[in-house]
Amino acid sequence: MSEPNDSKRDEIRSYAIGYGLALLLTCAAFAAVRWPVAAASTTLAIVLGLALVQMVVQFRFFLHITLRKSARDDLQLILFSTLIVVLMVSGTLIILANLHHRMM
């Protein structure tokens, strides 16, 4: 009888942990930029690293994508979509850089 309540409680706990981690990572990235303690390139690397960790937190706690066999199809779909978006953005940037070079 209490299984639906336990399941719902676990789900709410998962969302709360994800929210806390996402907020912590966002604040850490903001603090790294607002109060720099290292060179600009190191700060950029820190922010990019925090962004990657943030992406993993979003996948795990909000999209419920894990490395279990049942969720691998969703993960593959997301990774393929990410690849397509990266290819489109990088192709656009290459074209724009080429046009900028020809205009100067």
Foldseek 3Di string as FASTA:
>chain_A
DCVVVVVVVVLVVLLVVLVVLLVVLVVVLVCCVVPPPDDPVVNVVSNVVSVVVNVVSCCCRPVVADPDPVRVVVVVVVVVVVVVVVVVVVVVVVVVVVVVVVVD
